[in-house]
Structures are given as structure tokens and as C-alpha cells.
Protein backbone atom coordinates (compact mmCIF):
# COMPACT_ATOMS: atom_id res chain seq x y z
CA MET A 1 18.60 -19.18 22.11
CA PRO A 2 16.27 -16.19 21.85
CA LYS A 3 12.58 -16.92 21.35
CA LYS A 4 11.20 -16.44 17.87
CA LYS A 5 8.88 -13.51 17.43
CA ASN A 6 5.16 -14.33 17.47
CA GLN A 7 5.89 -17.86 18.71
CA PRO A 8 2.94 -19.03 20.81
CA PRO A 9 3.74 -19.78 24.48
CA PRO A 10 3.82 -23.45 25.48
CA PRO A 11 0.52 -24.81 26.84
CA SER A 12 0.02 -24.78 30.58
CA PRO A 13 -0.26 -28.12 32.47
CA LEU A 14 -4.01 -27.61 32.68
CA GLN A 15 -4.23 -26.98 28.91
CA VAL A 16 -2.19 -30.14 28.25
CA TRP A 17 -4.50 -32.30 30.36
CA ILE A 18 -7.58 -30.76 28.65
CA MET A 19 -6.00 -31.63 25.30
CA ALA A 20 -5.39 -35.18 26.56
CA ALA A 21 -9.07 -35.49 27.61
CA ARG A 22 -10.10 -34.57 24.04
CA PRO A 23 -13.25 -32.58 24.93
CA ARG A 24 -14.46 -32.51 21.33
CA THR A 25 -15.15 -36.25 21.56
CA LEU A 26 -17.29 -35.97 24.68
CA PRO A 27 -20.65 -35.56 22.89
CA ALA A 28 -20.30 -39.30 22.19
CA SER A 29 -20.73 -40.04 25.93
CA ILE A 30 -23.24 -37.27 26.61
CA ALA A 31 -25.68 -38.24 23.83
CA PRO A 32 -26.70 -41.71 25.18
CA VAL A 33 -27.11 -40.45 28.74
CA LEU A 34 -29.22 -37.52 27.54
CA LEU A 35 -31.54 -39.74 25.52
CA GLY A 36 -31.74 -42.46 28.14
CA THR A 37 -32.78 -39.86 30.68
CA ALA A 38 -35.39 -38.38 28.29
CA ILE A 39 -36.90 -41.83 27.78
CA ALA A 40 -37.00 -42.32 31.56
CA TRP A 41 -38.78 -38.96 31.91
CA TYR A 42 -41.21 -39.93 29.12
CA ASP A 43 -41.98 -43.18 30.95
CA GLY A 44 -42.46 -41.36 34.28
CA VAL A 45 -39.47 -42.95 36.05
CA PHE A 46 -36.97 -40.04 35.92
CA GLN A 47 -34.64 -39.65 38.93
CA LEU A 48 -32.26 -36.68 38.99
CA GLY A 49 -29.51 -38.11 41.20
CA PRO A 50 -28.92 -41.30 39.17
CA ALA A 51 -29.23 -39.37 35.92
CA LEU A 52 -26.47 -36.92 36.96
CA ALA A 53 -24.26 -39.77 38.26
CA ALA A 54 -24.72 -41.65 34.98
CA LEU A 55 -23.69 -38.53 33.06
CA ALA A 56 -20.60 -37.97 35.20
CA GLY A 57 -19.66 -41.67 35.05
CA GLY A 58 -20.11 -41.79 31.27
CA VAL A 59 -18.00 -38.71 30.61
CA LEU A 60 -15.27 -39.91 32.98
CA LEU A 61 -15.22 -43.34 31.30
CA GLN A 62 -14.69 -41.70 27.91
CA ILE A 63 -11.96 -39.43 29.18
CA GLY A 64 -10.27 -42.48 30.70
CA ALA A 65 -10.61 -44.31 27.39
CA ASN A 66 -9.12 -41.29 25.57
CA LEU A 67 -6.11 -41.29 27.90
CA ALA A 68 -5.70 -45.04 27.45
CA ASN A 69 -5.76 -44.67 23.67
CA ASP A 70 -3.22 -41.85 23.90
CA VAL A 71 -0.63 -43.82 25.83
CA PHE A 72 -1.18 -47.32 24.47
CA ASP A 73 -1.31 -46.31 20.78
CA PHE A 74 2.00 -44.49 21.38
CA ARG A 75 3.53 -47.55 22.98
CA LYS A 76 2.39 -49.78 20.12
CA GLY A 77 3.75 -47.37 17.51
CA ALA A 78 0.39 -46.39 16.01
CA ASP A 79 0.88 -42.70 16.91
CA THR A 80 3.87 -41.22 15.07
CA LYS A 81 4.89 -37.88 13.55
CA GLU A 82 2.86 -38.90 10.49
CA ARG A 83 -0.38 -38.75 12.51
CA LEU A 84 -3.12 -36.77 10.74
CA GLY A 85 -5.54 -36.45 13.65
CA PRO A 86 -5.59 -33.99 16.53
CA MET A 87 -2.47 -33.92 18.71
CA ARG A 88 -1.85 -36.79 21.10
CA VAL A 89 -0.02 -35.54 24.13
CA THR A 90 2.16 -38.60 24.65
CA GLN A 91 3.36 -38.64 21.05
CA ALA A 92 3.94 -34.87 21.16
CA GLY A 93 6.09 -35.22 24.33
CA LEU A 94 3.83 -32.94 26.39
CA LEU A 95 3.31 -35.68 28.99
CA THR A 96 5.24 -38.90 29.63
CA PRO A 97 3.54 -42.25 29.13
CA GLN A 98 3.68 -42.78 32.91
CA GLN A 99 1.92 -39.46 33.57
CA VAL A 100 -0.86 -40.23 31.09
CA GLN A 101 -1.30 -43.75 32.45
CA THR A 102 -1.48 -42.40 36.01
CA GLY A 103 -4.08 -39.87 34.89
CA MET A 104 -6.02 -42.67 33.26
CA TRP A 105 -6.25 -44.61 36.52
CA VAL A 106 -7.29 -41.49 38.46
CA VAL A 107 -10.11 -40.83 36.03
CA PHE A 108 -11.25 -44.45 36.06
CA GLY A 109 -11.18 -44.29 39.85
CA LEU A 110 -13.50 -41.31 39.79
CA ALA A 111 -15.80 -43.12 37.38
CA ALA A 112 -15.80 -46.11 39.73
CA LEU A 113 -17.02 -43.86 42.57
CA CYS A 114 -19.98 -42.86 40.37
CA GLY A 115 -20.55 -46.57 39.78
CA VAL A 116 -20.57 -47.34 43.53
CA TYR A 117 -23.33 -44.75 44.04
CA LEU A 118 -25.30 -46.10 41.09
CA ALA A 119 -24.91 -49.65 42.41
CA TRP A 120 -26.25 -48.50 45.78
CA VAL A 121 -29.27 -47.06 43.94
CA ALA A 122 -29.87 -49.78 41.33
CA GLY A 123 -28.03 -52.92 42.48
CA TRP A 124 -24.98 -55.01 41.73
CA PRO A 125 -25.53 -55.36 37.96
CA ILE A 126 -24.28 -51.74 37.63
CA LEU A 127 -20.99 -52.72 39.27
CA VAL A 128 -20.56 -55.51 36.69
CA LEU A 129 -21.44 -53.16 33.86
CA GLY A 130 -19.05 -50.45 35.10
CA ALA A 131 -16.17 -52.90 35.57
CA ALA A 132 -16.73 -54.29 32.07
CA ALA A 133 -16.74 -50.76 30.63
CA ILE A 134 -13.36 -49.95 32.27
CA VAL A 135 -11.83 -53.24 31.13
CA ALA A 136 -13.11 -52.73 27.61
CA ALA A 137 -11.87 -49.10 27.51
CA ILE A 138 -8.35 -50.29 28.33
CA ALA A 139 -8.57 -53.38 26.14
CA TYR A 140 -9.54 -51.15 23.18
CA THR A 141 -5.85 -50.41 22.54
CA ALA A 142 -4.00 -52.41 25.23
CA GLY A 143 -3.46 -55.98 26.33
CA PRO A 144 -2.76 -59.17 24.36
CA PHE A 145 -5.83 -58.70 22.13
CA PRO A 146 -6.47 -54.93 21.67
CA LEU A 147 -9.94 -54.60 20.19
CA ALA A 148 -9.16 -51.69 17.88
CA TYR A 149 -6.23 -53.59 16.39
CA HIS A 150 -8.47 -56.50 15.36
CA GLY A 151 -11.27 -54.62 13.64
CA LEU A 152 -13.60 -54.64 16.69
CA GLY A 153 -13.67 -50.91 17.42
CA GLU A 154 -17.15 -50.42 16.03
CA VAL A 155 -18.50 -53.38 17.99
CA PHE A 156 -17.02 -51.97 21.19
CA VAL A 157 -18.61 -48.56 20.57
CA ILE A 158 -22.10 -49.94 19.80
CA LEU A 159 -21.97 -52.12 22.93
CA PHE A 160 -20.64 -49.55 25.40
CA PHE A 161 -21.52 -46.11 23.99
CA GLY A 162 -24.88 -47.32 22.77
CA LEU A 163 -26.40 -50.25 24.61
CA ALA A 164 -24.53 -50.04 27.97
CA ALA A 165 -24.60 -46.26 28.25
CA LEU A 166 -28.20 -45.59 27.25
CA CYS A 167 -29.76 -48.72 28.69
CA GLY A 168 -27.66 -48.35 31.84
CA THR A 169 -28.83 -44.76 32.27
CA TYR A 170 -32.46 -45.89 31.94
CA TYR A 171 -31.94 -48.85 34.24
CA VAL A 172 -30.49 -46.86 37.17
CA GLN A 173 -33.65 -44.72 37.10
CA ALA A 174 -36.28 -47.37 36.32
CA GLY A 175 -34.85 -50.67 37.56
CA THR A 176 -35.62 -52.22 34.19
CA VAL A 177 -35.09 -51.43 30.47
CA SER A 178 -37.92 -50.64 28.08
CA ALA A 179 -38.16 -51.69 24.43
CA LEU A 180 -37.87 -48.05 23.36
CA ALA A 181 -34.63 -47.72 25.34
CA TRP A 182 -33.12 -50.78 23.57
CA TRP A 183 -34.05 -49.39 20.13
CA ALA A 184 -32.75 -45.91 20.94
CA ALA A 185 -29.52 -47.41 22.29
CA VAL A 186 -28.89 -49.10 18.93
CA ALA A 187 -29.53 -45.80 17.10
CA ILE A 188 -27.03 -43.90 19.26
CA GLY A 189 -24.57 -46.75 19.06
CA LEU A 190 -24.67 -46.61 15.27
CA LEU A 191 -24.12 -42.83 15.21
CA VAL A 192 -21.26 -42.90 17.72
CA SER A 193 -19.73 -45.83 15.85
CA SER A 194 -19.69 -43.70 12.72
CA ILE A 195 -17.21 -41.38 14.57
CA ILE A 196 -14.82 -44.28 14.83
CA VAL A 197 -15.29 -45.02 11.13
CA VAL A 198 -14.17 -41.55 10.14
CA ASN A 199 -11.22 -41.71 12.54
CA ASN A 200 -10.13 -45.05 11.09
CA LEU A 201 -10.63 -43.92 7.48
CA ARG A 202 -8.31 -40.97 8.12
CA ASP A 203 -5.67 -43.21 9.71
CA ILE A 204 -5.77 -46.16 7.27
CA ASP A 205 -2.16 -45.68 6.06
CA THR A 206 -0.53 -45.16 9.48
CA ASP A 207 -2.60 -47.90 11.06
CA ARG A 208 -1.64 -50.36 8.37
CA LYS A 209 2.03 -49.58 8.92
CA ALA A 210 1.64 -50.13 12.66
CA GLY A 211 -0.21 -53.42 12.20
CA LYS A 212 -3.42 -51.89 13.55
CA MET A 213 -5.93 -53.88 11.50
CA THR A 214 -9.02 -51.76 11.92
CA LEU A 215 -12.12 -52.52 9.96
CA ALA A 216 -11.20 -49.54 7.74
CA VAL A 217 -7.87 -51.18 6.92
CA ARG A 218 -9.68 -54.40 6.06
CA LEU A 219 -12.42 -52.74 4.01
CA GLY A 220 -10.34 -50.12 2.29
CA PRO A 221 -11.29 -46.46 1.79
CA GLN A 222 -14.35 -47.06 -0.38
CA GLY A 223 -15.73 -49.87 1.71
CA THR A 224 -15.27 -47.72 4.83
CA ARG A 225 -17.28 -44.91 3.26
CA TYR A 226 -20.11 -47.34 2.56
CA GLU A 227 -19.87 -48.49 6.18
CA TYR A 228 -20.45 -44.94 7.30
CA LEU A 229 -23.42 -44.59 5.00
CA ALA A 230 -24.94 -47.87 6.33
CA LEU A 231 -24.55 -46.70 9.95
CA MET A 232 -26.26 -43.38 9.12
CA LEU A 233 -29.16 -45.05 7.34
CA GLY A 234 -29.64 -47.42 10.27
CA ALA A 235 -29.71 -44.61 12.80
CA TYR A 236 -32.27 -42.59 10.87
CA ALA A 237 -34.48 -45.65 10.24
CA ILE A 238 -34.91 -46.37 13.98
CA PRO A 239 -37.16 -43.36 14.84
CA VAL A 240 -39.51 -44.44 12.08
CA ILE A 241 -39.45 -48.03 13.33
CA VAL A 242 -40.23 -47.18 16.94
CA TRP A 243 -43.05 -44.87 15.82
CA GLN A 244 -44.55 -47.51 13.58
CA LEU A 245 -44.27 -50.14 16.34
CA GLY A 246 -46.15 -47.85 18.70
CA LEU A 247 -43.21 -47.58 21.10
CA ALA A 248 -42.77 -43.84 20.68
CA PRO A 249 -44.88 -40.89 19.49
CA ALA A 250 -44.55 -39.38 16.03
CA THR A 251 -42.66 -36.45 17.51
CA VAL A 252 -39.49 -38.57 17.67
CA LEU A 253 -39.33 -37.94 13.92
CA LEU A 254 -37.87 -34.60 14.93
CA THR A 255 -34.56 -36.44 14.67
CA TRP A 256 -34.92 -36.15 10.94
CA GLY A 257 -34.26 -32.43 11.48
CA THR A 258 -30.60 -33.38 11.51
CA SER A 259 -30.79 -35.50 8.31
CA LEU A 260 -29.56 -32.74 6.03
CA ARG A 261 -26.49 -32.44 8.23
CA ALA A 262 -26.00 -36.18 7.97
CA VAL A 263 -26.26 -35.99 4.16
CA TYR A 264 -23.75 -33.13 4.10
CA LEU A 265 -21.25 -35.09 6.24
CA THR A 266 -21.70 -38.23 4.14
CA ARG A 267 -21.02 -36.30 0.94
CA LEU A 268 -18.03 -34.59 2.51
CA LEU A 269 -16.66 -38.00 3.56
CA TRP A 270 -16.61 -38.96 -0.12
CA ALA A 271 -14.95 -35.74 -1.15
CA VAL A 272 -12.03 -35.34 1.24
CA THR A 273 -9.12 -37.37 2.52
CA GLY A 274 -6.35 -37.18 5.10
CA ARG A 275 -6.30 -34.32 7.59
CA GLU A 276 -9.44 -32.81 6.01
CA LEU A 277 -11.42 -35.70 7.49
CA ASN A 278 -10.98 -34.11 10.94
CA SER A 279 -13.87 -31.72 10.09
CA VAL A 280 -16.07 -34.77 9.28
CA LEU A 281 -15.00 -36.37 12.56
CA ALA A 282 -15.95 -33.30 14.61
CA GLY A 283 -19.18 -32.88 12.64
CA THR A 284 -20.20 -36.51 13.21
CA SER A 285 -19.61 -36.23 16.95
CA LEU A 286 -21.80 -33.12 17.09
CA LEU A 287 -24.42 -34.83 14.92
CA ALA A 288 -24.81 -37.64 17.45
CA LEU A 289 -25.49 -35.08 20.17
CA MET A 290 -27.95 -33.11 18.00
CA TYR A 291 -29.79 -36.30 17.06
CA SER A 292 -30.05 -37.31 20.72
CA LEU A 293 -31.26 -33.81 21.67
CA LEU A 294 -34.03 -33.76 19.03
CA PHE A 295 -35.08 -37.32 19.92
CA SER A 296 -35.31 -36.18 23.56
CA ILE A 297 -37.24 -33.02 22.67
CA GLY A 298 -39.70 -35.16 20.68
CA LEU A 299 -40.39 -37.36 23.72
CA ILE A 300 -40.65 -34.45 26.16
CA ALA A 301 -42.99 -32.52 23.85
CA ALA A 302 -45.28 -35.56 23.42
CA ARG A 303 -45.44 -36.02 27.22
CA LEU A 304 -46.19 -32.32 27.82
CA ILE A 305 -48.83 -32.11 25.06
CA GLY A 306 -50.43 -35.46 25.94
């Protein structure tokens, strides 16, 4: 059969694997490492090697989690032709489930190598944390009790993309975790969790059909929108709290420079449905990175000025 005119060529194998890695989601793993490193620098305990290894490990863990979600959601019937989100390569037939699962293990293996180096630097607790992160990433959509299918997606994200990622980044440089790092980890966890909220709001109908009982399915569309609002309010309250507690300088209020963007995304969340929520999803992911960047700049500026 002759090719149709103007038909785009099929993606190359490299393009397919890049699609599977979902690079637009990666700000969620970069943001906590960036801010954890900035806090370490502010406290005078910054170490370049561990910081870079934490960044590489965090990004690899998220890519591995993305691959796991791709293949296990497909196998559980949550990814169908009715999917409204960005293309999943397994569902689209671009890669076989076995190929994606093999890629997942390769990526997790590379993340484990970063963990071995970090454990050599900071001790055995990092091995435990890394192993828990890999198990949780797989258990998010796989196993006898997949977290995302029981309304625990937001809890997973706050624990691993907030507390574990940021506090772990600080710990491998300082050997301890400061109060500011704990507070900042909660803030980033709330923001990254809001990405999951948008994703689940978009997929309420298909998730319900597949028996994927996310918190969005349980709360309904309106309740999920209020959940997003609550997460945003919590994240923007934390810079004020740490400043008032004397844990951070007033310059961390630079984070409020992204507040108008947060308001815009929240209003847009109330105004659109279905596939249009993909723009809110991408915007929220970028917001988490911008928030982390301004928080970091605030700390660095205060250290340089002071």
C-alpha cells in the first residue's frame, strides 16, 4: 500500500525510548535535588560529587517509575485507546511489554549504581532508602496492592519525591538532615503531588472503568480540584513558616514570585476538562521546578549577601 502524502515518518527507536521516559515529567525529580543541594550550600556542607550522584539517581528512579507505570497500567487495563494523556508506548504498540519491563530494570540498575556510590559516601541508610524507592516505584502500579489503585498515589509522591529525595540529597552531603530541609521537602512534596492530582483528575473516567480507585475517583472532580488548591496553599505557606521560625532568611519569599502562575493553573484547572488538562499537568510540573529554583536563589542570595 502506498504511503499517504504528508504522513509523518514513524519514530526512531531512540525517539520511542525518549517518549517512554516522559522527559516532561522530569522536573518533578530535579526540583527536590536542586533545593536540597541549595540548602546544603546555604548551611556550608555542599559536596559536588554526592549532589550530582543524587541528581542522576533521582532522575533515573523517575524514568524507571515512568516505564513501570507504562507497562503495568497497560497490563492492568488502565491504559486503553480512550486514554486522554500523552502517549504510552506499550499501549500504542511502539514497544512490547517485555521490552519496556527490561528497560525499566536497566534504568533501575543504573540508579542502584548511583546508590552504591552514595552509600559509600554517606553510609548504609542510603542503600535502604534507594531500595525502598525502587520497590515503591514498582509497587505504584504493580504487585498485589498497587498504591495508585488504592488512592495512595499522593502519599507515595510526598514521601519519595519530597521527603526522601530532598532530605536524602541533603543527607548525602551533610550526614544529617536540618529542620529547614524537612520543611522544604514537605513543600516540594506537596507541589509534585499536585501533578498527580491533575493526572488523576483527567483520567477519572478511564480509571474508574479499570478499577483504579485513585483519590480523584473517590473524591470526584470537584473534590479533586479542591485537593489541588489545598496542596498549592500548603506549598506557598511553607516559605513564610520557615522565615517566621527563623529557619530561613526572608529571601526565600522569592518563591512567591511563582504564585501568579499557581493562581493561573488553579483557575485553569476549574475551567477545563479531559485532554485540555494536559496543559495544566505540564504547567504544574514546570511550576514545581520554578518554585524550587526561586527558593534556591533566595538561599544563595542570602548567603552571598550575608
